[in-house]
């Protein structure tokens, strides 16, 4: 699993090329992980409430920049909404990968 934001199809294609060079028999799936704005901001607040160092401003700025860069994009990964419960997300992901 790689957690990163690729802002262009070319950059994502380069990653794909490099991964295939390591093992050309593996399937590679890219997902654009999404959350509705209000849920994302709620999670930022919840995380910050549990931390000793307040990074709320940084997280909100980063979130806003990512949202602007990726809004409406489908060329950098298959959209996958993370709003559901973890157990539901696992089931949905397994279905999308054809494993259930």
PDB file of N, CA and C in Angstrom:
ATOM      1  N   UNK A   1       0.841  -1.165   0.000  1.00  0.00           N
ATOM      2  CA  UNK A   1       0.000   0.000   0.000  1.00  0.00           C
ATOM      3  C   UNK A   1       0.892   1.235   0.000  1.00  0.00           C
ATOM      4  N   UNK A   2       0.572   2.177  -0.850  1.00  0.00           N
ATOM      5  CA  UNK A   2       1.296   3.438  -0.937  1.00  0.00           C
ATOM      6  C   UNK A   2       0.302   4.553  -0.696  1.00  0.00           C
ATOM      7  N   UNK A   3       0.624   5.436   0.221  1.00  0.00           N
ATOM      8  CA  UNK A   3      -0.244   6.578   0.492  1.00  0.00           C
ATOM      9  C   UNK A   3       0.474   7.829   0.016  1.00  0.00           C
ATOM     10  N   UNK A   4      -0.022   8.376  -1.041  1.00  0.00           N
ATOM     11  CA  UNK A   4       0.594   9.567  -1.636  1.00  0.00           C
ATOM     12  C   UNK A   4      -0.432  10.186  -2.573  1.00  0.00           C
ATOM     13  N   UNK A   5      -0.218  11.432  -2.919  1.00  0.00           N
ATOM     14  CA  UNK A   5      -1.108  12.081  -3.881  1.00  0.00           C
ATOM     15  C   UNK A   5      -0.336  12.310  -5.165  1.00  0.00           C
ATOM     16  N   UNK A   6      -0.799  11.702  -6.225  1.00  0.00           N
ATOM     17  CA  UNK A   6      -0.256  11.964  -7.547  1.00  0.00           C
ATOM     18  C   UNK A   6      -1.204  12.943  -8.198  1.00  0.00           C
ATOM     19  N   UNK A   7      -0.676  14.048  -8.642  1.00  0.00           N
ATOM     20  CA  UNK A   7      -1.512  15.116  -9.179  1.00  0.00           C
ATOM     21  C   UNK A   7      -1.672  15.065 -10.691  1.00  0.00           C
ATOM     22  N   UNK A   8      -1.012  14.109 -11.334  1.00  0.00           N
ATOM     23  CA  UNK A   8      -1.156  14.007 -12.782  1.00  0.00           C
ATOM     24  C   UNK A   8      -1.194  12.542 -13.201  1.00  0.00           C
ATOM     25  N   UNK A   9      -1.830  12.311 -14.312  1.00  0.00           N
ATOM     26  CA  UNK A   9      -1.909  10.963 -14.870  1.00  0.00           C
ATOM     27  C   UNK A   9      -0.509  10.472 -15.233  1.00  0.00           C
ATOM     28  N   UNK A  10       0.349  11.373 -15.721  1.00  0.00           N
ATOM     29  CA  UNK A  10       1.712  10.996 -16.109  1.00  0.00           C
ATOM     30  C   UNK A  10       2.512  10.510 -14.899  1.00  0.00           C
ATOM     31  N   UNK A  11       2.385  11.197 -13.766  1.00  0.00           N
ATOM     32  CA  UNK A  11       3.110  10.782 -12.560  1.00  0.00           C
ATOM     33  C   UNK A  11       2.613   9.426 -12.071  1.00  0.00           C
ATOM     34  N   UNK A  12       1.320   9.199 -12.162  1.00  0.00           N
ATOM     35  CA  UNK A  12       0.760   7.917 -11.754  1.00  0.00           C
ATOM     36  C   UNK A  12       1.202   6.810 -12.716  1.00  0.00           C
ATOM     37  N   UNK A  13       1.254   7.118 -13.994  1.00  0.00           N
ATOM     38  CA  UNK A  13       1.719   6.144 -14.996  1.00  0.00           C
ATOM     39  C   UNK A  13       3.182   5.775 -14.739  1.00  0.00           C
ATOM     40  N   UNK A  14       3.985   6.751 -14.316  1.00  0.00           N
ATOM     41  CA  UNK A  14       5.380   6.479 -13.992  1.00  0.00           C
ATOM     42  C   UNK A  14       5.482   5.519 -12.806  1.00  0.00           C
ATOM     43  N   UNK A  15       4.671   5.739 -11.773  1.00  0.00           N
ATOM     44  CA  UNK A  15       4.650   4.823 -10.630  1.00  0.00           C
ATOM     45  C   UNK A  15       4.259   3.423 -11.092  1.00  0.00           C
ATOM     46  N   UNK A  16       3.229   3.326 -11.893  1.00  0.00           N
ATOM     47  CA  UNK A  16       2.763   2.031 -12.399  1.00  0.00           C
ATOM     48  C   UNK A  16       3.886   1.321 -13.150  1.00  0.00           C
ATOM     49  N   UNK A  17       4.582   2.051 -14.002  1.00  0.00           N
ATOM     50  CA  UNK A  17       5.694   1.480 -14.777  1.00  0.00           C
ATOM     51  C   UNK A  17       6.772   0.938 -13.841  1.00  0.00           C
ATOM     52  N   UNK A  18       7.105   1.695 -12.798  1.00  0.00           N
ATOM     53  CA  UNK A  18       8.149   1.259 -11.867  1.00  0.00           C
ATOM     54  C   UNK A  18       7.710   0.046 -11.050  1.00  0.00           C
ATOM     55  N   UNK A  19       6.432  -0.017 -10.676  1.00  0.00           N
ATOM     56  CA  UNK A  19       5.944  -1.174  -9.917  1.00  0.00           C
ATOM     57  C   UNK A  19       5.910  -2.424 -10.781  1.00  0.00           C
ATOM     58  N   UNK A  20       5.480  -2.287 -12.017  1.00  0.00           N
ATOM     59  CA  UNK A  20       5.439  -3.422 -12.937  1.00  0.00           C
ATOM     60  C   UNK A  20       6.854  -3.952 -13.183  1.00  0.00           C
ATOM     61  N   UNK A  21       7.844  -3.061 -13.194  1.00  0.00           N
ATOM     62  CA  UNK A  21       9.237  -3.492 -13.376  1.00  0.00           C
ATOM     63  C   UNK A  21       9.686  -4.413 -12.238  1.00  0.00           C
ATOM     64  N   UNK A  22       9.103  -4.235 -11.062  1.00  0.00           N
ATOM     65  CA  UNK A  22       9.446  -5.091  -9.922  1.00  0.00           C
ATOM     66  C   UNK A  22       8.805  -6.467 -10.031  1.00  0.00           C
ATOM     67  N   UNK A  23       7.574  -6.513 -10.542  1.00  0.00           N
ATOM     68  CA  UNK A  23       6.856  -7.782 -10.659  1.00  0.00           C
ATOM     69  C   UNK A  23       5.724  -7.611 -11.662  1.00  0.00           C
ATOM     70  N   UNK A  24       5.955  -8.035 -12.884  1.00  0.00           N
ATOM     71  CA  UNK A  24       4.956  -7.803 -13.943  1.00  0.00           C
ATOM     72  C   UNK A  24       3.783  -8.771 -13.887  1.00  0.00           C
ATOM     73  N   UNK A  25       3.726  -9.611 -12.878  1.00  0.00           N
ATOM     74  CA  UNK A  25       2.606 -10.559 -12.747  1.00  0.00           C
ATOM     75  C   UNK A  25       1.565 -10.088 -11.729  1.00  0.00           C
ATOM     76  N   UNK A  26       1.800  -8.974 -11.089  1.00  0.00           N
ATOM     77  CA  UNK A  26       0.874  -8.465 -10.073  1.00  0.00           C
ATOM     78  C   UNK A  26      -0.101  -7.467 -10.681  1.00  0.00           C
ATOM     79  N   UNK A  27      -1.310  -7.468 -10.143  1.00  0.00           N
ATOM     80  CA  UNK A  27      -2.290  -6.460 -10.524  1.00  0.00           C
ATOM     81  C   UNK A  27      -2.077  -5.237  -9.646  1.00  0.00           C
ATOM     82  N   UNK A  28      -2.208  -4.074 -10.239  1.00  0.00           N
ATOM     83  CA  UNK A  28      -2.044  -2.836  -9.495  1.00  0.00           C
ATOM     84  C   UNK A  28      -3.344  -2.052  -9.610  1.00  0.00           C
ATOM     85  N   UNK A  29      -3.879  -1.650  -8.471  1.00  0.00           N
ATOM     86  CA  UNK A  29      -5.124  -0.884  -8.430  1.00  0.00           C
ATOM     87  C   UNK A  29      -4.840   0.449  -7.751  1.00  0.00           C
ATOM     88  N   UNK A  30      -5.366   1.506  -8.324  1.00  0.00           N
ATOM     89  CA  UNK A  30      -5.225   2.830  -7.722  1.00  0.00           C
ATOM     90  C   UNK A  30      -6.585   3.359  -7.312  1.00  0.00           C
ATOM     91  N   UNK A  31      -6.689   3.808  -6.074  1.00  0.00           N
ATOM     92  CA  UNK A  31      -7.937   4.368  -5.571  1.00  0.00           C
ATOM     93  C   UNK A  31      -7.705   5.800  -5.122  1.00  0.00           C
ATOM     94  N   UNK A  32      -8.637   6.658  -5.460  1.00  0.00           N
ATOM     95  CA  UNK A  32      -8.638   8.041  -5.004  1.00  0.00           C
ATOM     96  C   UNK A  32      -9.554   8.080  -3.780  1.00  0.00           C
ATOM     97  N   UNK A  33      -8.952   8.058  -2.597  1.00  0.00           N
ATOM     98  CA  UNK A  33      -9.723   7.985  -1.354  1.00  0.00           C
ATOM     99  C   UNK A  33     -10.377   9.328  -1.079  1.00  0.00           C
ATOM    100  N   UNK A  34     -11.679   9.311  -0.853  1.00  0.00           N
ATOM    101  CA  UNK A  34     -12.437  10.550  -0.683  1.00  0.00           C
ATOM    102  C   UNK A  34     -13.314  10.501   0.566  1.00  0.00           C
ATOM    103  N   UNK A  35     -13.638  11.678   1.045  1.00  0.00           N
ATOM    104  CA  UNK A  35     -14.608  11.866   2.123  1.00  0.00           C
ATOM    105  C   UNK A  35     -15.368  13.146   1.831  1.00  0.00           C
ATOM    106  N   UNK A  36     -16.646  13.223   2.191  1.00  0.00           N
ATOM    107  CA  UNK A  36     -17.336  14.507   2.097  1.00  0.00           C
ATOM    108  C   UNK A  36     -16.602  15.527   2.972  1.00  0.00           C
ATOM    109  N   UNK A  37     -16.641  16.792   2.585  1.00  0.00           N
ATOM    110  CA  UNK A  37     -15.904  17.846   3.284  1.00  0.00           C
ATOM    111  C   UNK A  37     -16.210  17.883   4.774  1.00  0.00           C
ATOM    112  N   UNK A  38     -17.488  17.816   5.149  1.00  0.00           N
ATOM    113  CA  UNK A  38     -17.835  17.921   6.566  1.00  0.00           C
ATOM    114  C   UNK A  38     -17.288  16.751   7.376  1.00  0.00           C
ATOM    115  N   UNK A  39     -17.285  15.560   6.793  1.00  0.00           N
ATOM    116  CA  UNK A  39     -16.748  14.389   7.491  1.00  0.00           C
ATOM    117  C   UNK A  39     -15.232  14.499   7.638  1.00  0.00           C
ATOM    118  N   UNK A  40     -14.563  14.977   6.607  1.00  0.00           N
ATOM    119  CA  UNK A  40     -13.122  15.128   6.675  1.00  0.00           C
ATOM    120  C   UNK A  40     -12.732  16.130   7.764  1.00  0.00           C
ATOM    121  N   UNK A  41     -13.420  17.263   7.807  1.00  0.00           N
ATOM    122  CA  UNK A  41     -13.131  18.272   8.829  1.00  0.00           C
ATOM    123  C   UNK A  41     -13.457  17.756  10.235  1.00  0.00           C
ATOM    124  N   UNK A  42     -14.506  16.964  10.369  1.00  0.00           N
ATOM    125  CA  UNK A  42     -14.847  16.368  11.665  1.00  0.00           C
ATOM    126  C   UNK A  42     -13.729  15.433  12.129  1.00  0.00           C
ATOM    127  N   UNK A  43     -13.182  14.653  11.215  1.00  0.00           N
ATOM    128  CA  UNK A  43     -12.101  13.730  11.564  1.00  0.00           C
ATOM    129  C   UNK A  43     -10.821  14.480  11.935  1.00  0.00           C
ATOM    130  N   UNK A  44     -10.553  15.580  11.247  1.00  0.00           N
ATOM    131  CA  UNK A  44      -9.395  16.405  11.600  1.00  0.00           C
ATOM    132  C   UNK A  44      -9.543  16.899  13.035  1.00  0.00           C
ATOM    133  N   UNK A  45     -10.722  17.404  13.368  1.00  0.00           N
ATOM    134  CA  UNK A  45     -10.968  17.911  14.725  1.00  0.00           C
ATOM    135  C   UNK A  45     -10.813  16.798  15.753  1.00  0.00           C
ATOM    136  N   UNK A  46     -11.357  15.636  15.458  1.00  0.00           N
ATOM    137  CA  UNK A  46     -11.268  14.507  16.398  1.00  0.00           C
ATOM    138  C   UNK A  46      -9.816  14.082  16.616  1.00  0.00           C
ATOM    139  N   UNK A  47      -9.032  14.027  15.545  1.00  0.00           N
ATOM    140  CA  UNK A  47      -7.608  13.677  15.690  1.00  0.00           C
ATOM    141  C   UNK A  47      -6.877  14.712  16.526  1.00  0.00           C
ATOM    142  N   UNK A  48      -7.148  15.983  16.242  1.00  0.00           N
ATOM    143  CA  UNK A  48      -6.448  17.046  16.960  1.00  0.00           C
ATOM    144  C   UNK A  48      -6.798  17.067  18.436  1.00  0.00           C
ATOM    145  N   UNK A  49      -8.011  16.721  18.772  1.00  0.00           N
ATOM    146  CA  UNK A  49      -8.419  16.680  20.176  1.00  0.00           C
ATOM    147  C   UNK A  49      -7.631  15.634  20.965  1.00  0.00           C
ATOM    148  N   UNK A  50      -7.086  14.634  20.265  1.00  0.00           N
ATOM    149  CA  UNK A  50      -6.351  13.561  20.929  1.00  0.00           C
ATOM    150  C   UNK A  50      -4.837  13.778  20.910  1.00  0.00           C
ATOM    151  N   UNK A  51      -4.369  14.841  20.274  1.00  0.00           N
ATOM    152  CA  UNK A  51      -2.931  15.079  20.142  1.00  0.00           C
ATOM    153  C   UNK A  51      -2.443  16.151  21.102  1.00  0.00           C
ATOM    154  N   UNK A  52      -1.194  16.015  21.501  1.00  0.00           N
ATOM    155  CA  UNK A  52      -0.578  17.018  22.364  1.00  0.00           C
ATOM    156  C   UNK A  52      -0.193  18.260  21.559  1.00  0.00           C
ATOM    157  N   UNK A  53       0.196  18.069  20.306  1.00  0.00           N
ATOM    158  CA  UNK A  53       0.575  19.184  19.443  1.00  0.00           C
ATOM    159  C   UNK A  53      -0.587  19.467  18.496  1.00  0.00           C
ATOM    160  N   UNK A  54      -1.027  20.696  18.464  1.00  0.00           N
ATOM    161  CA  UNK A  54      -2.162  21.068  17.612  1.00  0.00           C
ATOM    162  C   UNK A  54      -1.669  21.370  16.202  1.00  0.00           C
ATOM    163  N   UNK A  55      -2.007  20.498  15.285  1.00  0.00           N
ATOM    164  CA  UNK A  55      -1.657  20.672  13.876  1.00  0.00           C
ATOM    165  C   UNK A  55      -2.903  20.946  13.042  1.00  0.00           C
ATOM    166  N   UNK A  56      -3.957  21.381  13.680  1.00  0.00           N
ATOM    167  CA  UNK A  56      -5.245  21.590  13.020  1.00  0.00           C
ATOM    168  C   UNK A  56      -5.112  22.498  11.796  1.00  0.00           C
ATOM    169  N   UNK A  57      -4.429  23.636  11.961  1.00  0.00           N
ATOM    170  CA  UNK A  57      -4.291  24.587  10.855  1.00  0.00           C
ATOM    171  C   UNK A  57      -3.572  23.938   9.671  1.00  0.00           C
ATOM    172  N   UNK A  58      -2.489  23.209   9.955  1.00  0.00           N
ATOM    173  CA  UNK A  58      -1.758  22.510   8.901  1.00  0.00           C
ATOM    174  C   UNK A  58      -2.649  21.489   8.202  1.00  0.00           C
ATOM    175  N   UNK A  59      -3.375  20.680   8.984  1.00  0.00           N
ATOM    176  CA  UNK A  59      -4.235  19.652   8.390  1.00  0.00           C
ATOM    177  C   UNK A  59      -5.341  20.261   7.534  1.00  0.00           C
ATOM    178  N   UNK A  60      -5.940  21.335   8.000  1.00  0.00           N
ATOM    179  CA  UNK A  60      -7.020  21.975   7.232  1.00  0.00           C
ATOM    180  C   UNK A  60      -6.460  22.558   5.939  1.00  0.00           C
ATOM    181  N   UNK A  61      -5.293  23.198   6.000  1.00  0.00           N
ATOM    182  CA  UNK A  61      -4.660  23.739   4.782  1.00  0.00           C
ATOM    183  C   UNK A  61      -4.330  22.626   3.801  1.00  0.00           C
ATOM    184  N   UNK A  62      -3.746  21.537   4.319  1.00  0.00           N
ATOM    185  CA  UNK A  62      -3.384  20.405   3.462  1.00  0.00           C
ATOM    186  C   UNK A  62      -4.624  19.791   2.832  1.00  0.00           C
ATOM    187  N   UNK A  63      -5.651  19.605   3.645  1.00  0.00           N
ATOM    188  CA  UNK A  63      -6.908  19.051   3.140  1.00  0.00           C
ATOM    189  C   UNK A  63      -7.480  19.930   2.022  1.00  0.00           C
ATOM    190  N   UNK A  64      -7.496  21.247   2.229  1.00  0.00           N
ATOM    191  CA  UNK A  64      -8.046  22.162   1.227  1.00  0.00           C
ATOM    192  C   UNK A  64      -7.244  22.092  -0.074  1.00  0.00           C
ATOM    193  N   UNK A  65      -5.926  22.029   0.029  1.00  0.00           N
ATOM    194  CA  UNK A  65      -5.080  21.955  -1.167  1.00  0.00           C
ATOM    195  C   UNK A  65      -5.301  20.643  -1.918  1.00  0.00           C
ATOM    196  N   UNK A  66      -5.401  19.544  -1.188  1.00  0.00           N
ATOM    197  CA  UNK A  66      -5.649  18.245  -1.819  1.00  0.00           C
ATOM    198  C   UNK A  66      -7.014  18.217  -2.485  1.00  0.00           C
ATOM    199  N   UNK A  67      -8.008  18.727  -1.791  1.00  0.00           N
ATOM    200  CA  UNK A  67      -9.370  18.732  -2.338  1.00  0.00           C
ATOM    201  C   UNK A  67      -9.434  19.550  -3.633  1.00  0.00           C
ATOM    202  N   UNK A  68      -8.774  20.708  -3.631  1.00  0.00           N
ATOM    203  CA  UNK A  68      -8.755  21.548  -4.835  1.00  0.00           C
ATOM    204  C   UNK A  68      -8.033  20.844  -5.984  1.00  0.00           C
ATOM    205  N   UNK A  69      -6.906  20.223  -5.686  1.00  0.00           N
ATOM    206  CA  UNK A  69      -6.115  19.565  -6.721  1.00  0.00           C
ATOM    207  C   UNK A  69      -6.817  18.337  -7.305  1.00  0.00           C
ATOM    208  N   UNK A  70      -7.629  17.666  -6.510  1.00  0.00           N
ATOM    209  CA  UNK A  70      -8.207  16.391  -6.929  1.00  0.00           C
ATOM    210  C   UNK A  70      -9.709  16.424  -7.203  1.00  0.00           C
ATOM    211  N   UNK A  71     -10.337  17.563  -7.019  1.00  0.00           N
ATOM    212  CA  UNK A  71     -11.788  17.666  -7.209  1.00  0.00           C
ATOM    213  C   UNK A  71     -12.196  17.226  -8.611  1.00  0.00           C
ATOM    214  N   UNK A  72     -13.109  16.280  -8.650  1.00  0.00           N
ATOM    215  CA  UNK A  72     -13.652  15.823  -9.922  1.00  0.00           C
ATOM    216  C   UNK A  72     -12.723  14.960 -10.752  1.00  0.00           C
ATOM    217  N   UNK A  73     -11.569  14.624 -10.239  1.00  0.00           N
ATOM    218  CA  UNK A  73     -10.588  13.843 -11.000  1.00  0.00           C
ATOM    219  C   UNK A  73     -10.930  12.358 -10.911  1.00  0.00           C
ATOM    220  N   UNK A  74     -10.821  11.678 -12.019  1.00  0.00           N
ATOM    221  CA  UNK A  74     -10.924  10.226 -12.022  1.00  0.00           C
ATOM    222  C   UNK A  74      -9.725   9.614 -12.733  1.00  0.00           C
ATOM    223  N   UNK A  75      -8.816  10.467 -13.214  1.00  0.00           N
ATOM    224  CA  UNK A  75      -7.666   9.973 -13.959  1.00  0.00           C
ATOM    225  C   UNK A  75      -6.476   9.640 -13.068  1.00  0.00           C
ATOM    226  N   UNK A  76      -6.598   9.834 -11.766  1.00  0.00           N
ATOM    227  CA  UNK A  76      -5.506   9.521 -10.853  1.00  0.00           C
ATOM    228  C   UNK A  76      -5.923   8.467  -9.828  1.00  0.00           C
ATOM    229  N   UNK A  77      -6.943   7.708 -10.143  1.00  0.00           N
ATOM    230  CA  UNK A  77      -7.395   6.631  -9.267  1.00  0.00           C
ATOM    231  C   UNK A  77      -8.900   6.522  -9.275  1.00  0.00           C
ATOM    232  N   UNK A  78      -9.366   5.336  -8.980  1.00  0.00           N
ATOM    233  CA  UNK A  78     -10.802   5.092  -8.908  1.00  0.00           C
ATOM    234  C   UNK A  78     -11.331   5.692  -7.608  1.00  0.00           C
ATOM    235  N   UNK A  79     -12.322   6.597  -7.679  1.00  0.00           N
ATOM    236  CA  UNK A  79     -12.851   7.193  -6.450  1.00  0.00           C
ATOM    237  C   UNK A  79     -13.381   6.126  -5.484  1.00  0.00           C
ATOM    238  N   UNK A  80     -13.032   6.289  -4.222  1.00  0.00           N
ATOM    239  CA  UNK A  80     -13.465   5.352  -3.188  1.00  0.00           C
ATOM    240  C   UNK A  80     -13.772   6.160  -1.937  1.00  0.00           C
ATOM    241  N   UNK A  81     -15.053   6.275  -1.609  1.00  0.00           N
ATOM    242  CA  UNK A  81     -15.517   7.077  -0.480  1.00  0.00           C
ATOM    243  C   UNK A  81     -15.298   6.318   0.822  1.00  0.00           C
ATOM    244  N   UNK A  82     -14.627   6.969   1.776  1.00  0.00           N
ATOM    245  CA  UNK A  82     -14.281   6.339   3.041  1.00  0.00           C
ATOM    246  C   UNK A  82     -15.255   6.659   4.173  1.00  0.00           C
ATOM    247  N   UNK A  83     -16.476   7.062   3.846  1.00  0.00           N
ATOM    248  CA  UNK A  83     -17.435   7.471   4.875  1.00  0.00           C
ATOM    249  C   UNK A  83     -18.007   6.316   5.693  1.00  0.00           C
ATOM    250  N   UNK A  84     -17.984   5.114   5.167  1.00  0.00           N
ATOM    251  CA  UNK A  84     -18.627   3.977   5.829  1.00  0.00           C
ATOM    252  C   UNK A  84     -17.785   3.464   7.006  1.00  0.00           C
ATOM    253  N   UNK A  85     -18.358   2.547   7.739  1.00  0.00           N
ATOM    254  CA  UNK A  85     -17.641   1.874   8.820  1.00  0.00           C
ATOM    255  C   UNK A  85     -16.516   1.016   8.246  1.00  0.00           C
ATOM    256  N   UNK A  86     -15.446   0.806   9.007  1.00  0.00           N
ATOM    257  CA  UNK A  86     -14.326   0.006   8.489  1.00  0.00           C
ATOM    258  C   UNK A  86     -14.738  -1.355   7.938  1.00  0.00           C
ATOM    259  N   UNK A  87     -15.614  -2.061   8.623  1.00  0.00           N
ATOM    260  CA  UNK A  87     -16.039  -3.386   8.140  1.00  0.00           C
ATOM    261  C   UNK A  87     -16.749  -3.282   6.785  1.00  0.00           C
ATOM    262  N   UNK A  88     -17.529  -2.228   6.589  1.00  0.00           N
ATOM    263  CA  UNK A  88     -18.207  -2.015   5.305  1.00  0.00           C
ATOM    264  C   UNK A  88     -17.209  -1.645   4.220  1.00  0.00           C
ATOM    265  N   UNK A  89     -16.204  -0.844   4.576  1.00  0.00           N
ATOM    266  CA  UNK A  89     -15.180  -0.450   3.607  1.00  0.00           C
ATOM    267  C   UNK A  89     -14.407  -1.666   3.101  1.00  0.00           C
ATOM    268  N   UNK A  90     -14.091  -2.582   4.008  1.00  0.00           N
ATOM    269  CA  UNK A  90     -13.371  -3.792   3.613  1.00  0.00           C
ATOM    270  C   UNK A  90     -14.203  -4.585   2.612  1.00  0.00           C
ATOM    271  N   UNK A  91     -15.479  -4.754   2.905  1.00  0.00           N
ATOM    272  CA  UNK A  91     -16.359  -5.499   1.999  1.00  0.00           C
ATOM    273  C   UNK A  91     -16.438  -4.822   0.631  1.00  0.00           C
ATOM    274  N   UNK A  92     -16.604  -3.495   0.617  1.00  0.00           N
ATOM    275  CA  UNK A  92     -16.682  -2.768  -0.658  1.00  0.00           C
ATOM    276  C   UNK A  92     -15.380  -2.883  -1.442  1.00  0.00           C
ATOM    277  N   UNK A  93     -14.253  -2.762  -0.761  1.00  0.00           N
ATOM    278  CA  UNK A  93     -12.964  -2.840  -1.428  1.00  0.00           C
ATOM    279  C   UNK A  93     -12.723  -4.235  -1.997  1.00  0.00           C
ATOM    280  N   UNK A  94     -13.053  -5.256  -1.235  1.00  0.00           N
ATOM    281  CA  UNK A  94     -12.894  -6.625  -1.733  1.00  0.00           C
ATOM    282  C   UNK A  94     -13.753  -6.867  -2.970  1.00  0.00           C
ATOM    283  N   UNK A  95     -14.973  -6.313  -2.981  1.00  0.00           N
ATOM    284  CA  UNK A  95     -15.839  -6.449  -4.166  1.00  0.00           C
ATOM    285  C   UNK A  95     -15.219  -5.761  -5.376  1.00  0.00           C
ATOM    286  N   UNK A  96     -14.719  -4.545  -5.172  1.00  0.00           N
ATOM    287  CA  UNK A  96     -14.107  -3.808  -6.290  1.00  0.00           C
ATOM    288  C   UNK A  96     -12.880  -4.515  -6.839  1.00  0.00           C
ATOM    289  N   UNK A  97     -12.181  -5.222  -5.986  1.00  0.00           N
ATOM    290  CA  UNK A  97     -10.992  -5.964  -6.434  1.00  0.00           C
ATOM    291  C   UNK A  97     -11.348  -7.344  -6.971  1.00  0.00           C
ATOM    292  N   UNK A  98     -12.645  -7.683  -6.937  1.00  0.00           N
ATOM    293  CA  UNK A  98     -13.088  -8.976  -7.450  1.00  0.00           C
ATOM    294  C   UNK A  98     -12.722 -10.148  -6.540  1.00  0.00           C
ATOM    295  N   UNK A  99     -12.566  -9.868  -5.263  1.00  0.00           N
ATOM    296  CA  UNK A  99     -12.173 -10.910  -4.314  1.00  0.00           C
ATOM    297  C   UNK A  99     -13.341 -11.432  -3.501  1.00  0.00           C
ATOM    298  N   UNK A 100     -14.541 -10.912  -3.746  1.00  0.00           N
ATOM    299  CA  UNK A 100     -15.761 -11.390  -3.081  1.00  0.00           C
ATOM    300  C   UNK A 100     -16.911 -11.295  -4.021  1.00  0.00           C
TER     301      UNK A 100
END
